[in-house]
Amino acid sequence: MIMLVRIWVLVCSVIFVAGCGDKSQTASQNTQTQQTFEWKLVTSWPKNFPGLGRAPETFATYVNEMSGGRLKIKVYGAGQLVPAFEVFDQVSQGSVEMGHAGAYYWKGKMPAAQIFSAIPFGMNVTEFNSWLQYGGGMALWRELYAPFNVVPFVGGNTGVQMAGWFKKEITQLEDLQGLKMRIPGLGGEVFKKVGGVPVALSGGELFTALQSGTIDATEWVGPYNDLAFGLFKAADYYYYSGWHEPGTGLEFIVNQDAWNQLPDDLKAIVEVATRAVNQDMLDEYTARNHEAMLALKEKHGVDMRPLPADVIEALKAASKEVMQEQANADPMFKKVYASYQAFLNNARAYHALSEYEYYKNRPQ
């Protein structure tokens, strides 16, 4: 009997200690769960600009609602807190927790970053997103940014862009010689290869530079944003197609230390919200570009033209040279580009039988 009493006392003691441990652990988890965070998000776009500027605002709303207000994010447009081209540095240093921009703006730090925006004559948006999420692209992207204390996430995609606005007519390749054009990333390198002069400008500077003659041409995004900027008032010719950016990916970037401080559920919310905004932006551009194209043509009488065939062929040849030169010069670029190209080759083979055939057969 005494032995049974002792066993019972021991069992009760274990249960009591275990119960205290569970409560202590639960209390700790609850404290962590209820902790709130306030982040600053800086962008490379004008505040609330259609599409590009709307995306970070939508993201902040999604995160606030899904987290029940535990993670609040305040969005700043280009120049409000940080200049457009300093977003990456400020996030890397931890001056702000988060940014929204285009990866090709950081080519001076990491040549391979350009691949995570767009490659001339490369993947379209469907292929690009698939490579990131299921072809190893995201892992390479995070490997590339890790030394800078930055974590990248998808941040939207504008789809195939237009070739741009030109103050003079382009009838042959020679017309590009010495032409000053705002065109970033690898597209700019290709443009230089065929005799043009690429110029780096943020979105907010485009209209004035084009109107004043500081530049002779500019690409921006497509009808939706080009109409909003009023670029048709500064240039007479609008050319397609967007050889330089066939599926332009944008990015959300987060300071690694800030990211590490978030509990797992808030990390999941951030990840899901970036994926949602990535799709939402494409949906918005697909819908709005149609409407804006009609407005440009019918209301404003914009002259929309295809680039001449010899120009396209020269750009294709130059693109191959630029990609090879970049790969030879930078090991990380070579590594990322090998993954990108392998995925594109497979996607191209399938899309030749699916997407391309469907477009040919779809009634006009």
Protein backbone atom coordinates (compact mmCIF):
# COMPACT_ATOMS: atom_id res chain seq x y z
CA MET A 1 0.00 0.00 0.00
CA ILE A 2 2.81 2.39 0.95
CA MET A 3 4.50 1.61 -2.37
CA LEU A 4 1.29 2.40 -4.27
CA VAL A 5 0.93 5.72 -2.47
CA ARG A 6 4.53 6.62 -3.33
CA ILE A 7 3.97 5.76 -6.99
CA TRP A 8 0.80 7.82 -7.07
CA VAL A 9 2.57 10.81 -5.52
CA LEU A 10 5.36 10.46 -8.08
CA VAL A 11 2.93 10.32 -10.99
CA CYS A 12 1.05 13.39 -9.72
CA SER A 13 4.34 15.25 -9.34
CA VAL A 14 5.36 14.46 -12.93
CA ILE A 15 1.97 15.56 -14.24
CA PHE A 16 2.17 18.79 -12.21
CA VAL A 17 5.68 19.60 -13.49
CA ALA A 18 4.73 18.73 -17.06
CA GLY A 19 1.65 20.91 -16.76
CA CYS A 20 3.71 23.82 -15.50
CA GLY A 21 6.15 23.29 -18.35
CA ASP A 22 3.39 23.30 -20.94
CA LYS A 23 1.88 26.47 -19.48
CA SER A 24 5.27 28.14 -19.41
CA GLN A 25 5.93 27.13 -23.00
CA THR A 26 2.45 28.20 -24.07
CA ALA A 27 2.86 31.55 -22.33
CA SER A 28 6.17 32.06 -24.11
CA GLN A 29 4.59 31.19 -27.47
CA ASN A 30 1.66 33.51 -26.79
CA THR A 31 4.01 36.36 -25.91
CA GLN A 32 5.89 35.82 -29.15
CA THR A 33 2.65 35.52 -31.12
CA GLN A 34 1.28 38.77 -29.69
CA GLN A 35 4.47 40.79 -30.31
CA THR A 36 3.92 43.60 -32.80
CA PHE A 37 6.28 45.00 -35.42
CA GLU A 38 6.36 48.23 -37.39
CA TRP A 39 8.37 48.29 -40.60
CA LYS A 40 9.30 50.92 -43.16
CA LEU A 41 9.09 49.91 -46.84
CA VAL A 42 10.86 52.16 -49.38
CA THR A 43 10.33 51.90 -53.13
CA SER A 44 11.86 52.96 -56.44
CA TRP A 45 8.51 54.26 -57.72
CA PRO A 46 6.46 57.41 -57.20
CA LYS A 47 4.06 57.06 -54.29
CA ASN A 48 0.84 55.27 -55.32
CA PHE A 49 1.89 55.21 -58.99
CA PRO A 50 -0.46 52.91 -60.96
CA GLY A 51 0.72 49.30 -60.92
CA LEU A 52 4.28 49.62 -59.66
CA GLY A 53 3.47 51.98 -56.82
CA ARG A 54 0.20 50.30 -55.98
CA ALA A 55 1.83 46.90 -55.40
CA PRO A 56 3.66 47.74 -52.14
CA GLU A 57 0.53 49.46 -50.81
CA THR A 58 -1.50 46.33 -51.54
CA PHE A 59 1.18 44.20 -49.90
CA ALA A 60 1.11 46.33 -46.74
CA THR A 61 -2.68 46.04 -46.59
CA TYR A 62 -2.58 42.25 -47.01
CA VAL A 63 0.03 41.84 -44.27
CA ASN A 64 -1.80 44.10 -41.84
CA GLU A 65 -5.09 42.27 -42.34
CA MET A 66 -3.66 38.74 -42.24
CA SER A 67 -1.55 39.47 -39.15
CA GLY A 68 -4.37 41.19 -37.28
CA GLY A 69 -2.25 44.33 -37.07
CA ARG A 70 0.78 42.57 -35.59
CA LEU A 71 2.96 43.57 -38.55
CA LYS A 72 2.30 47.09 -39.79
CA ILE A 73 4.19 48.35 -42.81
CA LYS A 74 4.41 52.00 -43.85
CA VAL A 75 5.21 52.57 -47.52
CA TYR A 76 7.37 55.43 -48.81
CA GLY A 77 7.59 56.37 -52.49
CA ALA A 78 10.85 57.14 -54.27
CA GLY A 79 12.50 60.21 -52.76
CA GLN A 80 10.20 60.45 -49.75
CA LEU A 81 12.67 58.71 -47.46
CA VAL A 82 15.23 57.14 -49.79
CA PRO A 83 16.24 57.96 -53.42
CA ALA A 84 14.96 55.48 -56.00
CA PHE A 85 18.33 53.84 -56.63
CA GLU A 86 19.35 53.56 -52.96
CA VAL A 87 16.62 51.16 -51.88
CA PHE A 88 18.90 48.12 -51.79
CA ASP A 89 21.64 49.85 -49.77
CA GLN A 90 19.22 51.11 -47.14
CA VAL A 91 17.61 47.69 -46.70
CA SER A 92 21.03 46.02 -46.60
CA GLN A 93 22.25 48.41 -43.89
CA GLY A 94 19.06 48.01 -41.86
CA SER A 95 18.10 51.70 -42.08
CA VAL A 96 14.72 50.40 -43.25
CA GLU A 97 13.31 46.91 -42.99
CA MET A 98 12.00 46.45 -46.50
CA GLY A 99 12.08 47.67 -50.10
CA HIS A 100 10.33 47.27 -53.46
CA ALA A 101 12.26 47.76 -56.68
CA GLY A 102 13.75 46.08 -59.75
CA ALA A 103 16.75 43.79 -59.30
CA TYR A 104 18.52 45.14 -62.40
CA TYR A 105 19.13 48.41 -60.56
CA TRP A 106 21.80 46.65 -58.49
CA LYS A 107 23.92 45.40 -61.39
CA GLY A 108 26.90 47.42 -60.15
CA LYS A 109 26.95 45.34 -56.97
CA MET A 110 25.93 41.99 -58.45
CA PRO A 111 25.82 41.52 -62.25
CA ALA A 112 23.68 38.41 -61.76
CA ALA A 113 20.93 40.48 -60.11
CA GLN A 114 19.84 41.58 -63.58
CA ILE A 115 18.69 38.07 -64.39
CA PHE A 116 16.02 38.36 -61.70
CA SER A 117 14.39 41.24 -63.57
CA ALA A 118 14.56 40.31 -67.23
CA ILE A 119 16.82 38.94 -69.94
CA PRO A 120 16.46 40.26 -73.51
CA PHE A 121 14.54 37.71 -75.61
CA GLY A 122 14.31 35.53 -72.49
CA MET A 123 11.49 34.04 -70.45
CA ASN A 124 7.98 35.38 -70.44
CA VAL A 125 6.20 35.90 -67.13
CA THR A 126 4.79 32.37 -66.90
CA GLU A 127 8.16 30.79 -67.51
CA PHE A 128 9.98 33.20 -65.21
CA ASN A 129 7.67 32.64 -62.24
CA SER A 130 7.86 28.89 -62.77
CA TRP A 131 11.66 28.98 -62.81
CA LEU A 132 11.73 30.95 -59.56
CA GLN A 133 9.30 28.72 -57.67
CA TYR A 134 9.94 25.29 -59.18
CA GLY A 135 13.19 25.51 -61.14
CA GLY A 136 15.65 26.58 -58.46
CA GLY A 137 15.62 30.28 -59.30
CA MET A 138 14.50 31.49 -55.89
CA ALA A 139 17.23 29.56 -54.09
CA LEU A 140 19.85 31.13 -56.37
CA TRP A 141 18.35 34.58 -55.84
CA ARG A 142 18.61 34.22 -52.06
CA GLU A 143 22.13 32.86 -52.35
CA LEU A 144 23.09 35.92 -54.39
CA TYR A 145 21.66 38.42 -51.90
CA ALA A 146 22.74 36.66 -48.69
CA PRO A 147 26.18 38.35 -48.44
CA PHE A 148 24.37 41.71 -48.40
CA ASN A 149 22.13 40.74 -45.46
CA VAL A 150 19.08 40.89 -47.73
CA VAL A 151 16.31 38.34 -48.41
CA PRO A 152 14.52 38.68 -51.79
CA PHE A 153 10.90 37.81 -52.58
CA VAL A 154 8.83 38.06 -55.75
CA GLY A 155 7.29 41.52 -56.05
CA GLY A 156 5.17 41.61 -59.18
CA ASN A 157 5.51 41.25 -62.92
CA THR A 158 4.45 43.61 -65.70
CA GLY A 159 4.50 41.04 -68.50
CA VAL A 160 5.91 41.83 -71.95
CA GLN A 161 6.87 45.48 -72.15
CA MET A 162 6.81 47.85 -75.11
CA ALA A 163 10.02 48.72 -76.94
CA GLY A 164 9.61 52.37 -76.00
CA TRP A 165 9.00 55.97 -77.01
CA PHE A 166 11.22 57.63 -79.61
CA LYS A 167 11.43 61.25 -80.65
CA LYS A 168 12.43 60.25 -84.16
CA GLU A 169 11.34 57.50 -86.51
CA ILE A 170 13.35 54.26 -86.50
CA THR A 171 13.51 52.75 -89.99
CA GLN A 172 16.83 50.91 -89.87
CA LEU A 173 19.59 49.86 -87.50
CA GLU A 174 21.66 52.96 -88.30
CA ASP A 175 18.99 55.12 -86.67
CA LEU A 176 20.06 53.78 -83.26
CA GLN A 177 23.65 54.98 -83.57
CA GLY A 178 24.37 57.49 -80.82
CA LEU A 179 20.74 57.51 -79.71
CA LYS A 180 20.42 58.30 -76.00
CA MET A 181 17.80 56.05 -74.45
CA ARG A 182 16.74 55.37 -70.90
CA ILE A 183 17.00 51.60 -70.74
CA PRO A 184 18.29 49.67 -67.68
CA GLY A 185 19.81 46.28 -67.03
CA LEU A 186 20.92 43.81 -69.66
CA GLY A 187 18.72 45.54 -72.21
CA GLY A 188 20.91 48.61 -71.79
CA GLU A 189 24.05 46.55 -72.41
CA VAL A 190 22.54 45.14 -75.59
CA PHE A 191 21.45 48.60 -76.73
CA LYS A 192 25.02 49.82 -76.27
CA LYS A 193 26.31 46.86 -78.28
CA VAL A 194 24.28 47.96 -81.33
CA GLY A 195 25.47 51.57 -81.11
CA GLY A 196 22.99 53.19 -78.75
CA VAL A 197 23.75 55.11 -75.56
CA PRO A 198 21.91 53.69 -72.50
CA VAL A 199 21.04 56.20 -69.77
CA ALA A 200 20.07 55.37 -66.18
CA LEU A 201 17.07 57.34 -64.92
CA SER A 202 14.37 56.64 -62.37
CA GLY A 203 10.72 56.64 -63.40
CA GLY A 204 10.03 60.06 -61.96
CA GLU A 205 12.68 61.65 -64.21
CA LEU A 206 11.55 60.21 -67.54
CA PHE A 207 9.04 62.74 -68.83
CA THR A 208 11.18 65.81 -68.20
CA ALA A 209 14.29 64.16 -69.64
CA LEU A 210 12.44 63.08 -72.78
CA GLN A 211 10.65 66.38 -73.23
CA SER A 212 13.80 68.46 -72.75
CA GLY A 213 15.89 66.34 -75.11
CA THR A 214 18.23 65.05 -72.40
CA ILE A 215 17.35 61.65 -73.84
CA ASP A 216 16.09 60.76 -77.32
CA ALA A 217 14.02 57.77 -76.30
CA THR A 218 12.83 55.85 -73.29
CA GLU A 219 11.31 52.53 -72.43
CA TRP A 220 9.19 52.42 -69.31
CA VAL A 221 6.63 49.64 -68.96
CA GLY A 222 3.66 49.60 -71.27
CA PRO A 223 0.50 51.52 -72.21
CA TYR A 224 -0.93 51.57 -68.67
CA ASN A 225 2.04 53.33 -67.08
CA ASP A 226 3.13 55.21 -70.18
CA LEU A 227 -0.28 56.84 -70.43
CA ALA A 228 -0.14 57.80 -66.75
CA PHE A 229 3.23 59.50 -67.27
CA GLY A 230 1.97 61.30 -70.38
CA LEU A 231 4.94 60.13 -72.44
CA PHE A 232 2.90 60.58 -75.63
CA LYS A 233 3.27 64.34 -75.10
CA ALA A 234 7.06 64.13 -75.29
CA ALA A 235 7.68 61.66 -78.15
CA ASP A 236 5.91 60.95 -81.44
CA TYR A 237 6.70 57.28 -82.02
CA TYR A 238 5.72 54.30 -79.85
CA TYR A 239 7.44 51.04 -80.80
CA TYR A 240 6.84 47.38 -79.95
CA SER A 241 7.64 44.64 -79.07
CA GLY A 242 9.53 44.68 -75.80
CA TRP A 243 12.56 42.62 -76.77
CA HIS A 244 14.48 43.85 -73.71
CA GLU A 245 11.96 42.90 -70.99
CA PRO A 246 9.69 40.01 -72.01
CA GLY A 247 8.42 39.38 -68.48
CA THR A 248 9.80 41.91 -66.06
CA GLY A 249 9.99 40.65 -62.49
CA LEU A 250 10.05 43.06 -59.55
CA GLU A 251 11.20 42.33 -56.04
CA PHE A 252 10.40 42.81 -52.41
CA ILE A 253 13.57 42.78 -50.32
CA VAL A 254 13.81 42.38 -46.54
CA ASN A 255 16.69 43.06 -44.20
CA GLN A 256 17.92 39.70 -42.92
CA ASP A 257 18.10 40.79 -39.28
CA ALA A 258 14.54 42.14 -39.39
CA TRP A 259 13.40 38.92 -41.02
CA ASN A 260 15.03 36.80 -38.32
CA GLN A 261 13.10 38.66 -35.62
CA LEU A 262 9.71 37.68 -37.03
CA PRO A 263 7.90 34.63 -35.61
CA ASP A 264 7.18 31.86 -38.09
CA ASP A 265 3.54 32.78 -38.63
CA LEU A 266 4.42 36.36 -39.65
CA LYS A 267 7.15 35.06 -41.94
CA ALA A 268 4.54 32.88 -43.63
CA ILE A 269 2.21 35.86 -43.98
CA VAL A 270 4.94 37.94 -45.65
CA GLU A 271 5.78 35.11 -48.05
CA VAL A 272 2.16 34.51 -49.01
CA ALA A 273 1.46 38.24 -49.41
CA THR A 274 4.40 38.66 -51.80
CA ARG A 275 3.14 35.76 -53.92
CA ALA A 276 -0.36 37.28 -53.96
CA VAL A 277 0.92 40.70 -55.04
CA ASN A 278 3.11 39.07 -57.67
CA GLN A 279 0.01 37.63 -59.36
CA ASP A 280 -2.16 40.66 -58.68
CA MET A 281 0.21 43.00 -60.50
CA LEU A 282 0.20 40.84 -63.61
CA ASP A 283 -3.59 40.69 -63.54
CA GLU A 284 -3.77 44.47 -63.23
CA TYR A 285 -1.36 45.13 -66.09
CA THR A 286 -3.05 42.62 -68.37
CA ALA A 287 -6.39 44.35 -67.84
CA ARG A 288 -5.24 47.96 -67.84
CA ASN A 289 -2.80 47.76 -70.76
CA HIS A 290 -5.68 46.88 -73.09
CA GLU A 291 -7.66 49.93 -72.03
CA ALA A 292 -4.67 52.27 -72.12
CA MET A 293 -3.58 51.09 -75.57
CA LEU A 294 -6.99 52.03 -76.98
CA ALA A 295 -6.84 55.42 -75.26
CA LEU A 296 -3.38 56.13 -76.66
CA LYS A 297 -4.42 55.22 -80.19
CA GLU A 298 -7.97 56.54 -80.36
CA LYS A 299 -7.91 59.52 -78.00
CA HIS A 300 -4.34 60.72 -78.39
CA GLY A 301 -3.56 59.50 -81.92
CA VAL A 302 -0.35 57.75 -80.94
CA ASP A 303 1.60 56.18 -83.82
CA MET A 304 2.35 52.59 -82.71
CA ARG A 305 4.83 50.69 -84.88
CA PRO A 306 6.84 47.46 -84.83
CA LEU A 307 10.62 47.76 -84.72
CA PRO A 308 12.17 47.07 -88.15
CA ALA A 309 13.24 43.48 -88.79
CA ASP A 310 16.94 44.36 -89.13
CA VAL A 311 16.86 46.08 -85.76
CA ILE A 312 15.33 43.02 -84.10
CA GLU A 313 17.88 40.70 -85.70
CA ALA A 314 20.77 42.91 -84.60
CA LEU A 315 19.41 43.03 -81.05
CA LYS A 316 19.10 39.23 -80.99
CA ALA A 317 22.71 38.79 -82.06
CA ALA A 318 23.91 41.41 -79.58
CA SER A 319 21.94 39.76 -76.78
CA LYS A 320 23.79 36.48 -77.27
CA GLU A 321 27.12 38.29 -77.13
CA VAL A 322 26.22 40.24 -74.01
CA MET A 323 25.02 37.17 -72.13
CA GLN A 324 28.19 35.27 -72.98
CA GLU A 325 30.38 38.20 -71.93
CA GLN A 326 28.54 38.57 -68.64
CA ALA A 327 28.83 34.84 -67.91
CA ASN A 328 32.55 34.85 -68.69
CA ALA A 329 33.16 37.85 -66.42
CA ASP A 330 31.26 36.75 -63.32
CA PRO A 331 31.04 33.19 -61.88
CA MET A 332 27.72 33.81 -60.10
CA PHE A 333 26.20 35.24 -63.26
CA LYS A 334 27.34 32.12 -65.11
CA LYS A 335 25.81 29.86 -62.45
CA VAL A 336 22.44 31.63 -62.40
CA TYR A 337 22.27 32.00 -66.16
CA ALA A 338 22.97 28.27 -66.66
CA SER A 339 19.97 27.44 -64.48
CA TYR A 340 17.82 30.06 -66.22
CA GLN A 341 18.73 28.89 -69.72
CA ALA A 342 18.22 25.20 -68.95
CA PHE A 343 14.72 25.92 -67.66
CA LEU A 344 13.95 28.15 -70.65
CA ASN A 345 15.01 25.45 -73.10
CA ASN A 346 12.54 22.99 -71.57
CA ALA A 347 9.77 25.57 -71.35
CA ARG A 348 10.35 26.64 -74.94
CA ALA A 349 9.98 23.07 -76.20
CA TYR A 350 6.67 22.60 -74.38
CA HIS A 351 5.26 26.02 -75.23
CA ALA A 352 6.00 25.43 -78.90
CA LEU A 353 3.38 22.69 -78.71
CA SER A 354 0.99 24.44 -76.35
CA GLU A 355 0.94 28.26 -76.04
CA TYR A 356 2.40 29.07 -79.45
CA GLU A 357 0.15 26.62 -81.29
CA TYR A 358 -2.89 27.89 -79.43
CA TYR A 359 -2.15 31.54 -80.33
CA LYS A 360 -1.81 30.58 -83.98
CA ASN A 361 -5.12 28.76 -83.99
CA ARG A 362 -7.18 31.15 -81.90
CA PRO A 363 -9.77 32.97 -84.06
CA GLN A 364 -9.08 36.64 -84.67
